[in-house]
Each structure stands twice: as C-alpha cells, then as structure tokens.
Amino acid sequence: SDEELLAGAEVFRRVCDDGDALFWLNDRADLALRCDADGVHVGQGDMAPAEVRRVAGPDRLVGLSTHSPVQLDAALASSAADELSVGPVWETPTKEGRAAAGLEYVRYAAARAGDRPWFAIGGIDLANVRDVIEAGASRIVVVRAIREAPDPRAAAESLRAALEEASGGAEGQP
C-alpha cells in the first residue's frame, strides 16, 4: 500500500541522509513528493519522464531505463531524464522475462551518452563487473550482488573498488 511504501521510504530517506546519498523512488512520481525522494526512476512502460517531472516537480531528478540502442537514442535526444540505465547487461531474475542487452549495448552507450550520466544494470556482480567497466561503464546498479552476498558490506566495497580502480581512483565516483 502507499502507506507501507511511505513508511519504508522514511527509513531509506534517513539512511540516505546519513550516508550523504541520493534517495530514489522507483516508478511512483506521485509519492516522491510525500517521501521527499531526490529522484524518481521509471521504466519504458511507466509514466513518461516529462510527465514524471510535471508530477514530481522540477527539483526531483528523473531516471529512465533503456534496453536497446533505439530507446537510448530517444532518451538522449530528450532532456526529460537526468540519468539513464542501460541493460539488463545479463539476464536477471530481478527483471524476469527481459532479454539480456549484452556488453555490446554498454559499448554503444559509452560511445554515445556524452555527458549524460548513465548506469549499466542487470546481472552485474563481482565476477563480471570488470567486463562491464572494460565495455565503457563507469557507473553500475546492482541488487543481488549485494543483497545475496554473505557479506553485503564487503561486496559493496569490492564493487566500488573495481569502479575506482578503473577510474584511476577518482574521488567522488558515483
């Protein structure tokens, strides 16, 4: 229910504030204002990014998932989304039924995204994160790689270290 989402969002808002991290709400622009989310992320079948901005307000970030070069090109041609997700790189139970876009799609995004922030997503873990980085990603989204790890903190630190190593140890790498 909305009330359950808002109760959970209150906890995440606090944790993100404590960690100096952005708090994103998935799919629900209508609740972003109520829970003071920094951003709203939507998929191709959800509310259009321009509509998300209208509902959530000009101060919220808007993210959009893309799954193909055609979708990425359309998103890059528009200024409605502040950040983009590219994937799933590999098939993942988190997005059941969605075919893998592959590393070639990551290479495509790396060659075309310019200054627009984008994240590789889908099936990324410690065993393959370097392949994603070598394909051109400097930002990733993971779920199971941390949630299902025996030591989630160590897994997160190792993933971050791989990204920092690839960027030459740049401070502040998202």
N, C-alpha and C. Protein backbone atom coordinates (compact mmCIF):
# COMPACT_ATOMS: atom_id res chain seq x y z
N SER A 1 0.84 -1.19 0.00
CA SER A 1 0.00 0.00 0.00
C SER A 1 0.88 1.25 0.00
N ASP A 2 0.28 2.36 -0.34
CA ASP A 2 1.02 3.62 -0.31
C ASP A 2 1.59 3.91 1.07
N GLU A 3 0.80 3.63 2.09
CA GLU A 3 1.27 3.91 3.46
C GLU A 3 2.47 3.05 3.82
N GLU A 4 2.47 1.79 3.38
CA GLU A 4 3.63 0.92 3.64
C GLU A 4 4.87 1.43 2.89
N LEU A 5 4.68 1.85 1.64
CA LEU A 5 5.79 2.42 0.88
C LEU A 5 6.34 3.67 1.55
N LEU A 6 5.47 4.53 2.01
CA LEU A 6 5.89 5.76 2.66
C LEU A 6 6.62 5.49 3.98
N ALA A 7 6.15 4.49 4.72
CA ALA A 7 6.83 4.12 5.97
C ALA A 7 8.24 3.60 5.69
N GLY A 8 8.38 2.75 4.66
CA GLY A 8 9.70 2.27 4.28
C GLY A 8 10.57 3.40 3.74
N ALA A 9 9.96 4.29 2.98
CA ALA A 9 10.70 5.41 2.40
C ALA A 9 11.27 6.31 3.49
N GLU A 10 10.54 6.46 4.59
CA GLU A 10 11.03 7.29 5.69
C GLU A 10 12.36 6.75 6.22
N VAL A 11 12.46 5.43 6.33
CA VAL A 11 13.70 4.81 6.80
C VAL A 11 14.82 5.03 5.78
N PHE A 12 14.52 4.78 4.51
CA PHE A 12 15.53 4.96 3.47
C PHE A 12 15.97 6.41 3.35
N ARG A 13 15.05 7.35 3.51
CA ARG A 13 15.39 8.77 3.45
C ARG A 13 16.43 9.09 4.52
N ARG A 14 16.20 8.59 5.75
CA ARG A 14 17.13 8.82 6.86
C ARG A 14 18.49 8.20 6.58
N VAL A 15 18.49 6.95 6.10
CA VAL A 15 19.75 6.26 5.82
C VAL A 15 20.53 6.98 4.73
N CYS A 16 19.83 7.41 3.69
CA CYS A 16 20.50 8.14 2.61
C CYS A 16 21.05 9.47 3.10
N ASP A 17 20.31 10.15 3.94
CA ASP A 17 20.82 11.40 4.51
C ASP A 17 22.07 11.15 5.33
N ASP A 18 22.04 10.11 6.16
CA ASP A 18 23.20 9.78 6.99
C ASP A 18 24.42 9.42 6.15
N GLY A 19 24.17 8.78 4.99
CA GLY A 19 25.27 8.36 4.12
C GLY A 19 25.58 9.34 3.01
N ASP A 20 24.96 10.52 3.05
CA ASP A 20 25.16 11.53 2.02
C ASP A 20 24.92 10.94 0.62
N ALA A 21 23.82 10.19 0.50
CA ALA A 21 23.47 9.52 -0.75
C ALA A 21 22.10 10.01 -1.24
N LEU A 22 21.89 9.91 -2.52
CA LEU A 22 20.59 10.26 -3.09
C LEU A 22 19.59 9.14 -2.82
N PHE A 23 18.36 9.52 -2.56
CA PHE A 23 17.28 8.57 -2.35
C PHE A 23 16.36 8.61 -3.56
N TRP A 24 16.29 7.50 -4.27
CA TRP A 24 15.45 7.37 -5.47
C TRP A 24 14.26 6.48 -5.15
N LEU A 25 13.11 6.87 -5.65
CA LEU A 25 11.91 6.06 -5.55
C LEU A 25 11.62 5.49 -6.93
N ASN A 26 11.29 4.24 -6.99
CA ASN A 26 11.04 3.58 -8.26
C ASN A 26 9.57 3.73 -8.65
N ASP A 27 9.33 4.22 -9.86
CA ASP A 27 8.01 4.22 -10.51
C ASP A 27 6.97 5.19 -9.97
N ARG A 28 7.08 5.71 -8.78
CA ARG A 28 5.97 6.42 -8.15
C ARG A 28 6.25 7.91 -7.99
N ALA A 29 6.08 8.64 -9.07
CA ALA A 29 6.26 10.10 -9.02
C ALA A 29 5.29 10.74 -8.04
N ASP A 30 4.11 10.16 -7.91
CA ASP A 30 3.11 10.73 -7.01
C ASP A 30 3.54 10.65 -5.54
N LEU A 31 4.34 9.66 -5.20
CA LEU A 31 4.80 9.52 -3.82
C LEU A 31 6.14 10.21 -3.57
N ALA A 32 6.85 10.59 -4.62
CA ALA A 32 8.17 11.19 -4.45
C ALA A 32 8.12 12.45 -3.60
N LEU A 33 7.11 13.27 -3.81
CA LEU A 33 6.97 14.48 -3.01
C LEU A 33 6.67 14.15 -1.55
N ARG A 34 5.80 13.19 -1.36
CA ARG A 34 5.38 12.85 0.01
C ARG A 34 6.50 12.27 0.84
N CYS A 35 7.45 11.59 0.20
CA CYS A 35 8.54 10.98 0.97
C CYS A 35 9.86 11.73 0.78
N ASP A 36 9.80 12.86 0.10
CA ASP A 36 10.97 13.72 -0.11
C ASP A 36 12.10 12.97 -0.81
N ALA A 37 11.76 12.16 -1.81
CA ALA A 37 12.77 11.47 -2.60
C ALA A 37 13.55 12.48 -3.44
N ASP A 38 14.82 12.20 -3.65
CA ASP A 38 15.63 13.06 -4.51
C ASP A 38 15.32 12.83 -5.98
N GLY A 39 14.90 11.59 -6.29
CA GLY A 39 14.63 11.27 -7.67
C GLY A 39 13.61 10.17 -7.82
N VAL A 40 13.10 10.06 -9.04
CA VAL A 40 12.15 9.01 -9.41
C VAL A 40 12.71 8.32 -10.64
N HIS A 41 12.76 7.00 -10.61
CA HIS A 41 13.24 6.23 -11.76
C HIS A 41 12.08 5.46 -12.36
N VAL A 42 11.94 5.54 -13.67
CA VAL A 42 10.85 4.86 -14.36
C VAL A 42 11.39 3.97 -15.48
N GLY A 43 10.57 3.03 -15.86
CA GLY A 43 10.89 2.14 -16.96
C GLY A 43 10.16 2.56 -18.22
N GLN A 44 10.41 1.84 -19.29
CA GLN A 44 9.81 2.16 -20.59
C GLN A 44 8.29 2.07 -20.56
N GLY A 45 7.73 1.21 -19.74
CA GLY A 45 6.28 1.04 -19.69
C GLY A 45 5.60 1.88 -18.62
N ASP A 46 6.36 2.72 -17.94
CA ASP A 46 5.81 3.55 -16.87
C ASP A 46 5.49 4.94 -17.41
N MET A 47 5.23 5.83 -16.51
CA MET A 47 4.96 7.23 -16.86
C MET A 47 6.17 7.81 -17.61
N ALA A 48 5.92 8.60 -18.64
CA ALA A 48 7.00 9.22 -19.41
C ALA A 48 7.79 10.19 -18.53
N PRO A 49 9.10 10.29 -18.75
CA PRO A 49 9.93 11.18 -17.92
C PRO A 49 9.41 12.62 -17.83
N ALA A 50 8.91 13.18 -18.91
CA ALA A 50 8.39 14.55 -18.86
C ALA A 50 7.18 14.64 -17.93
N GLU A 51 6.35 13.62 -17.93
CA GLU A 51 5.20 13.58 -17.04
C GLU A 51 5.65 13.40 -15.59
N VAL A 52 6.67 12.55 -15.38
CA VAL A 52 7.23 12.37 -14.04
C VAL A 52 7.67 13.73 -13.49
N ARG A 53 8.38 14.50 -14.31
CA ARG A 53 8.86 15.81 -13.86
C ARG A 53 7.69 16.73 -13.53
N ARG A 54 6.64 16.68 -14.33
CA ARG A 54 5.47 17.52 -14.07
C ARG A 54 4.83 17.16 -12.73
N VAL A 55 4.73 15.86 -12.46
CA VAL A 55 4.09 15.40 -11.22
C VAL A 55 5.00 15.59 -10.01
N ALA A 56 6.27 15.23 -10.16
CA ALA A 56 7.20 15.23 -9.02
C ALA A 56 7.83 16.60 -8.77
N GLY A 57 7.78 17.47 -9.75
CA GLY A 57 8.32 18.81 -9.57
C GLY A 57 9.70 18.97 -10.18
N PRO A 58 10.10 20.21 -10.38
CA PRO A 58 11.36 20.50 -11.08
C PRO A 58 12.61 20.18 -10.27
N ASP A 59 12.47 20.01 -8.96
CA ASP A 59 13.64 19.76 -8.13
C ASP A 59 13.98 18.28 -7.97
N ARG A 60 13.14 17.39 -8.47
CA ARG A 60 13.41 15.95 -8.40
C ARG A 60 14.20 15.53 -9.62
N LEU A 61 15.13 14.61 -9.42
CA LEU A 61 15.83 14.00 -10.54
C LEU A 61 14.91 12.96 -11.17
N VAL A 62 15.09 12.74 -12.47
CA VAL A 62 14.30 11.74 -13.18
C VAL A 62 15.24 10.78 -13.88
N GLY A 63 15.03 9.49 -13.65
CA GLY A 63 15.81 8.46 -14.30
C GLY A 63 14.94 7.61 -15.19
N LEU A 64 15.55 7.04 -16.22
CA LEU A 64 14.81 6.22 -17.20
C LEU A 64 15.63 5.00 -17.58
N SER A 65 15.00 3.84 -17.55
CA SER A 65 15.63 2.61 -18.02
C SER A 65 15.55 2.52 -19.54
N THR A 66 16.63 2.06 -20.16
CA THR A 66 16.63 1.78 -21.59
C THR A 66 17.15 0.37 -21.81
N HIS A 67 16.66 -0.25 -22.89
CA HIS A 67 17.01 -1.65 -23.14
C HIS A 67 17.55 -1.89 -24.54
N SER A 68 17.66 -0.84 -25.33
CA SER A 68 18.11 -1.00 -26.71
C SER A 68 18.70 0.31 -27.22
N PRO A 69 19.48 0.24 -28.28
CA PRO A 69 20.01 1.48 -28.87
C PRO A 69 18.92 2.47 -29.27
N VAL A 70 17.80 1.99 -29.79
CA VAL A 70 16.70 2.88 -30.19
C VAL A 70 16.17 3.64 -28.97
N GLN A 71 15.96 2.94 -27.87
CA GLN A 71 15.46 3.59 -26.66
C GLN A 71 16.49 4.56 -26.09
N LEU A 72 17.75 4.18 -26.11
CA LEU A 72 18.80 5.08 -25.61
C LEU A 72 18.88 6.34 -26.46
N ASP A 73 18.87 6.18 -27.77
CA ASP A 73 18.94 7.34 -28.66
C ASP A 73 17.76 8.29 -28.41
N ALA A 74 16.57 7.74 -28.22
CA ALA A 74 15.40 8.58 -27.96
C ALA A 74 15.56 9.32 -26.64
N ALA A 75 16.07 8.63 -25.63
CA ALA A 75 16.26 9.27 -24.32
C ALA A 75 17.33 10.35 -24.39
N LEU A 76 18.39 10.11 -25.15
CA LEU A 76 19.45 11.10 -25.29
C LEU A 76 18.99 12.33 -26.07
N ALA A 77 18.04 12.13 -26.97
CA ALA A 77 17.52 13.24 -27.76
C ALA A 77 16.60 14.14 -26.94
N SER A 78 16.13 13.63 -25.82
CA SER A 78 15.24 14.38 -24.94
C SER A 78 16.01 14.83 -23.70
N SER A 79 15.60 15.92 -23.12
CA SER A 79 16.23 16.36 -21.88
C SER A 79 15.38 16.00 -20.66
N ALA A 80 14.36 15.17 -20.86
CA ALA A 80 13.42 14.87 -19.78
C ALA A 80 14.03 14.02 -18.67
N ALA A 81 14.96 13.14 -18.99
CA ALA A 81 15.58 12.28 -17.97
C ALA A 81 16.98 12.79 -17.64
N ASP A 82 17.26 12.86 -16.34
CA ASP A 82 18.57 13.32 -15.88
C ASP A 82 19.61 12.22 -15.93
N GLU A 83 19.18 10.99 -15.77
CA GLU A 83 20.11 9.85 -15.83
C GLU A 83 19.41 8.69 -16.51
N LEU A 84 20.21 7.79 -17.06
CA LEU A 84 19.69 6.65 -17.81
C LEU A 84 20.30 5.36 -17.28
N SER A 85 19.54 4.30 -17.37
CA SER A 85 20.05 2.97 -17.08
C SER A 85 20.10 2.19 -18.39
N VAL A 86 21.13 1.38 -18.53
CA VAL A 86 21.40 0.65 -19.76
C VAL A 86 21.47 -0.83 -19.41
N GLY A 87 20.54 -1.62 -19.95
CA GLY A 87 20.58 -3.04 -19.65
C GLY A 87 19.21 -3.69 -19.81
N PRO A 88 19.04 -4.87 -19.29
CA PRO A 88 20.00 -5.57 -18.45
C PRO A 88 21.16 -6.12 -19.26
N VAL A 89 22.35 -5.95 -18.72
CA VAL A 89 23.53 -6.45 -19.41
C VAL A 89 23.42 -7.96 -19.56
N TRP A 90 23.07 -8.63 -18.48
CA TRP A 90 22.82 -10.07 -18.50
C TRP A 90 21.41 -10.33 -17.99
N GLU A 91 20.85 -11.45 -18.36
CA GLU A 91 19.52 -11.81 -17.84
C GLU A 91 19.60 -11.86 -16.32
N THR A 92 18.52 -11.45 -15.69
CA THR A 92 18.50 -11.39 -14.23
C THR A 92 17.09 -11.69 -13.74
N PRO A 93 16.96 -12.43 -12.66
CA PRO A 93 15.63 -12.68 -12.11
C PRO A 93 14.96 -11.42 -11.58
N THR A 94 15.74 -10.36 -11.38
CA THR A 94 15.16 -9.10 -10.93
C THR A 94 14.24 -8.52 -12.00
N LYS A 95 14.55 -8.80 -13.27
CA LYS A 95 13.73 -8.35 -14.40
C LYS A 95 13.38 -9.58 -15.24
N GLU A 96 12.61 -10.46 -14.64
CA GLU A 96 12.25 -11.73 -15.26
C GLU A 96 11.59 -11.51 -16.63
N GLY A 97 12.06 -12.29 -17.61
CA GLY A 97 11.49 -12.23 -18.95
C GLY A 97 12.12 -11.20 -19.86
N ARG A 98 12.99 -10.34 -19.32
CA ARG A 98 13.65 -9.33 -20.15
C ARG A 98 14.95 -9.93 -20.68
N ALA A 99 15.09 -9.92 -21.99
CA ALA A 99 16.31 -10.47 -22.62
C ALA A 99 17.51 -9.61 -22.27
N ALA A 100 18.66 -10.24 -22.21
CA ALA A 100 19.91 -9.52 -21.95
C ALA A 100 20.23 -8.62 -23.14
N ALA A 101 20.67 -7.40 -22.82
CA ALA A 101 21.09 -6.46 -23.86
C ALA A 101 22.55 -6.67 -24.23
N GLY A 102 23.33 -7.20 -23.30
CA GLY A 102 24.72 -7.56 -23.57
C GLY A 102 25.72 -6.42 -23.43
N LEU A 103 26.98 -6.80 -23.46
CA LEU A 103 28.07 -5.83 -23.35
C LEU A 103 28.14 -4.90 -24.56
N GLU A 104 27.66 -5.37 -25.70
CA GLU A 104 27.67 -4.50 -26.88
C GLU A 104 26.80 -3.26 -26.66
N TYR A 105 25.70 -3.44 -25.93
CA TYR A 105 24.85 -2.30 -25.62
C TYR A 105 25.57 -1.33 -24.66
N VAL A 106 26.34 -1.85 -23.74
CA VAL A 106 27.15 -1.00 -22.86
C VAL A 106 28.15 -0.20 -23.69
N ARG A 107 28.78 -0.86 -24.64
CA ARG A 107 29.72 -0.16 -25.53
C ARG A 107 29.01 0.95 -26.33
N TYR A 108 27.81 0.64 -26.79
CA TYR A 108 27.01 1.61 -27.54
C TYR A 108 26.73 2.84 -26.67
N ALA A 109 26.30 2.61 -25.45
CA ALA A 109 26.01 3.72 -24.53
C ALA A 109 27.27 4.52 -24.24
N ALA A 110 28.38 3.85 -24.02
CA ALA A 110 29.63 4.54 -23.72
C ALA A 110 30.05 5.45 -24.87
N ALA A 111 29.77 5.03 -26.09
CA ALA A 111 30.17 5.81 -27.26
C ALA A 111 29.23 6.98 -27.53
N ARG A 112 28.01 6.94 -27.01
CA ARG A 112 27.02 7.94 -27.41
C ARG A 112 26.48 8.84 -26.29
N ALA A 113 26.63 8.44 -25.05
CA ALA A 113 25.96 9.16 -23.96
C ALA A 113 26.57 10.53 -23.67
N GLY A 114 27.79 10.75 -24.05
CA GLY A 114 28.41 12.04 -23.78
C GLY A 114 28.46 12.33 -22.29
N ASP A 115 27.97 13.51 -21.90
CA ASP A 115 27.99 13.92 -20.50
C ASP A 115 26.79 13.44 -19.70
N ARG A 116 25.82 12.82 -20.35
CA ARG A 116 24.61 12.36 -19.64
C ARG A 116 24.99 11.18 -18.73
N PRO A 117 24.73 11.29 -17.45
CA PRO A 117 25.03 10.16 -16.55
C PRO A 117 24.21 8.92 -16.93
N TRP A 118 24.88 7.78 -16.96
CA TRP A 118 24.18 6.52 -17.23
C TRP A 118 24.81 5.41 -16.41
N PHE A 119 24.02 4.38 -16.18
CA PHE A 119 24.41 3.27 -15.32
C PHE A 119 24.16 1.96 -16.06
N ALA A 120 25.14 1.07 -16.04
CA ALA A 120 24.92 -0.30 -16.53
C ALA A 120 24.18 -1.05 -15.42
N ILE A 121 23.23 -1.88 -15.82
CA ILE A 121 22.39 -2.58 -14.85
C ILE A 121 22.06 -3.98 -15.38
N GLY A 122 21.88 -4.90 -14.46
CA GLY A 122 21.36 -6.22 -14.82
C GLY A 122 22.38 -7.33 -14.78
N GLY A 123 22.35 -8.10 -13.71
CA GLY A 123 23.19 -9.28 -13.59
C GLY A 123 24.66 -8.98 -13.30
N ILE A 124 24.95 -7.78 -12.90
CA ILE A 124 26.34 -7.39 -12.63
C ILE A 124 26.71 -7.82 -11.22
N ASP A 125 27.90 -8.41 -11.12
CA ASP A 125 28.39 -8.86 -9.81
C ASP A 125 29.91 -8.81 -9.81
N LEU A 126 30.53 -9.31 -8.76
CA LEU A 126 31.99 -9.25 -8.64
C LEU A 126 32.70 -10.05 -9.73
N ALA A 127 32.04 -11.08 -10.23
CA ALA A 127 32.67 -11.92 -11.25
C ALA A 127 32.72 -11.26 -12.62
N ASN A 128 31.83 -10.31 -12.89
CA ASN A 128 31.77 -9.74 -14.24
C ASN A 128 31.86 -8.21 -14.29
N VAL A 129 31.98 -7.56 -13.13
CA VAL A 129 31.99 -6.10 -13.12
C VAL A 129 33.12 -5.52 -13.96
N ARG A 130 34.27 -6.17 -14.00
CA ARG A 130 35.38 -5.65 -14.79
C ARG A 130 35.08 -5.71 -16.29
N ASP A 131 34.31 -6.72 -16.72
CA ASP A 131 33.89 -6.79 -18.13
C ASP A 131 33.01 -5.59 -18.48
N VAL A 132 32.13 -5.21 -17.56
CA VAL A 132 31.24 -4.08 -17.77
C VAL A 132 32.05 -2.78 -17.82
N ILE A 133 33.01 -2.66 -16.95
CA ILE A 133 33.88 -1.48 -16.93
C ILE A 133 34.70 -1.40 -18.22
N GLU A 134 35.25 -2.53 -18.63
CA GLU A 134 36.04 -2.56 -19.88
C GLU A 134 35.18 -2.20 -21.09
N ALA A 135 33.88 -2.47 -21.01
CA ALA A 135 32.97 -2.12 -22.11
C ALA A 135 32.63 -0.63 -22.10
N GLY A 136 33.01 0.08 -21.04
CA GLY A 136 32.83 1.53 -21.02
C GLY A 136 31.99 2.10 -19.89
N ALA A 137 31.45 1.25 -19.03
CA ALA A 137 30.63 1.76 -17.93
C ALA A 137 31.52 2.29 -16.80
N SER A 138 31.12 3.40 -16.23
CA SER A 138 31.82 3.92 -15.05
C SER A 138 30.88 3.96 -13.85
N ARG A 139 29.61 3.60 -14.08
CA ARG A 139 28.61 3.53 -13.01
C ARG A 139 27.80 2.26 -13.21
N ILE A 140 27.43 1.64 -12.10
CA ILE A 140 26.64 0.40 -12.17
C ILE A 140 25.51 0.46 -11.15
N VAL A 141 24.50 -0.36 -11.41
CA VAL A 141 23.43 -0.61 -10.46
C VAL A 141 23.44 -2.11 -10.19
N VAL A 142 23.39 -2.47 -8.93
CA VAL A 142 23.33 -3.89 -8.57
C VAL A 142 22.25 -4.09 -7.51
N VAL A 143 21.70 -5.28 -7.49
CA VAL A 143 20.75 -5.66 -6.45
C VAL A 143 21.27 -6.92 -5.79
N ARG A 144 21.20 -8.03 -6.52
CA ARG A 144 21.56 -9.32 -5.93
C ARG A 144 23.02 -9.40 -5.52
N ALA A 145 23.92 -8.70 -6.23
CA ALA A 145 25.35 -8.76 -5.91
C ALA A 145 25.63 -8.32 -4.48
N ILE A 146 24.78 -7.48 -3.96
CA ILE A 146 24.93 -7.03 -2.56
C ILE A 146 23.93 -7.75 -1.66
N ARG A 147 22.66 -7.76 -2.08
CA ARG A 147 21.61 -8.33 -1.24
C ARG A 147 21.86 -9.80 -0.92
N GLU A 148 22.38 -10.56 -1.87
CA GLU A 148 22.56 -12.00 -1.66
C GLU A 148 23.98 -12.38 -1.26
N ALA A 149 24.85 -11.40 -1.08
CA ALA A 149 26.23 -11.68 -0.69
C ALA A 149 26.29 -12.11 0.77
N PRO A 150 27.19 -13.04 1.09
CA PRO A 150 27.35 -13.42 2.51
C PRO A 150 27.74 -12.22 3.38
N ASP A 151 28.50 -11.30 2.81
CA ASP A 151 28.91 -10.08 3.50
C ASP A 151 28.58 -8.90 2.58
N PRO A 152 27.36 -8.36 2.68
CA PRO A 152 26.95 -7.29 1.78
C PRO A 152 27.89 -6.08 1.78
N ARG A 153 28.38 -5.68 2.93
CA ARG A 153 29.29 -4.54 3.00
C ARG A 153 30.57 -4.81 2.21
N ALA A 154 31.14 -5.99 2.38
CA ALA A 154 32.36 -6.34 1.65
C ALA A 154 32.10 -6.38 0.15
N ALA A 155 30.94 -6.90 -0.25
CA ALA A 155 30.60 -6.95 -1.67
C ALA A 155 30.49 -5.54 -2.24
N ALA A 156 29.81 -4.66 -1.52
CA ALA A 156 29.66 -3.27 -1.98
C ALA A 156 31.02 -2.59 -2.07
N GLU A 157 31.87 -2.81 -1.09
CA GLU A 157 33.20 -2.20 -1.10
C GLU A 157 34.04 -2.73 -2.27
N SER A 158 33.92 -4.01 -2.57
CA SER A 158 34.68 -4.59 -3.68
C SER A 158 34.20 -4.06 -5.03
N LEU A 159 32.90 -3.92 -5.18
CA LEU A 159 32.36 -3.35 -6.41
C LEU A 159 32.80 -1.90 -6.58
N ARG A 160 32.74 -1.16 -5.51
CA ARG A 160 33.18 0.25 -5.56
C ARG A 160 34.67 0.33 -5.88
N ALA A 161 35.47 -0.54 -5.28
CA ALA A 161 36.91 -0.55 -5.54
C ALA A 161 37.20 -0.83 -7.01
N ALA A 162 36.44 -1.72 -7.61
CA ALA A 162 36.63 -2.02 -9.04
C ALA A 162 36.34 -0.79 -9.88
N LEU A 163 35.28 -0.05 -9.55
CA LEU A 163 34.95 1.17 -10.28
C LEU A 163 36.03 2.24 -10.07
N GLU A 164 36.49 2.39 -8.84
CA GLU A 164 37.51 3.40 -8.55
C GLU A 164 38.84 3.04 -9.22
N GLU A 165 39.17 1.77 -9.23
CA GLU A 165 40.39 1.31 -9.90
C GLU A 165 40.34 1.65 -11.39
N ALA A 166 39.20 1.43 -12.00
CA ALA A 166 39.05 1.71 -13.43
C ALA A 166 39.11 3.19 -13.73
N SER A 167 38.66 4.02 -12.76
CA SER A 167 38.67 5.47 -12.98
C SER A 167 39.94 6.11 -12.49
N GLY A 168 40.91 5.30 -12.11
CA GLY A 168 42.17 5.85 -11.62
C GLY A 168 42.08 6.33 -10.18
N GLY A 169 41.08 5.81 -9.44
CA GLY A 169 40.92 6.16 -8.04
C GLY A 169 40.32 7.53 -7.81
N ALA A 170 39.57 8.01 -8.79
CA ALA A 170 38.98 9.35 -8.67
C ALA A 170 38.06 9.43 -7.47
N GLU A 171 38.24 10.49 -6.69
CA GLU A 171 37.37 10.73 -5.54
C GLU A 171 35.97 11.07 -6.04
N GLY A 172 34.98 10.66 -5.28
CA GLY A 172 33.61 11.05 -5.59
C GLY A 172 32.96 10.29 -6.72
N GLN A 173 33.58 9.24 -7.21
CA GLN A 173 32.98 8.44 -8.28
C GLN A 173 31.67 7.84 -7.80
N PRO A 174 30.56 8.08 -8.52
CA PRO A 174 29.27 7.52 -8.08
C PRO A 174 29.23 6.01 -8.24
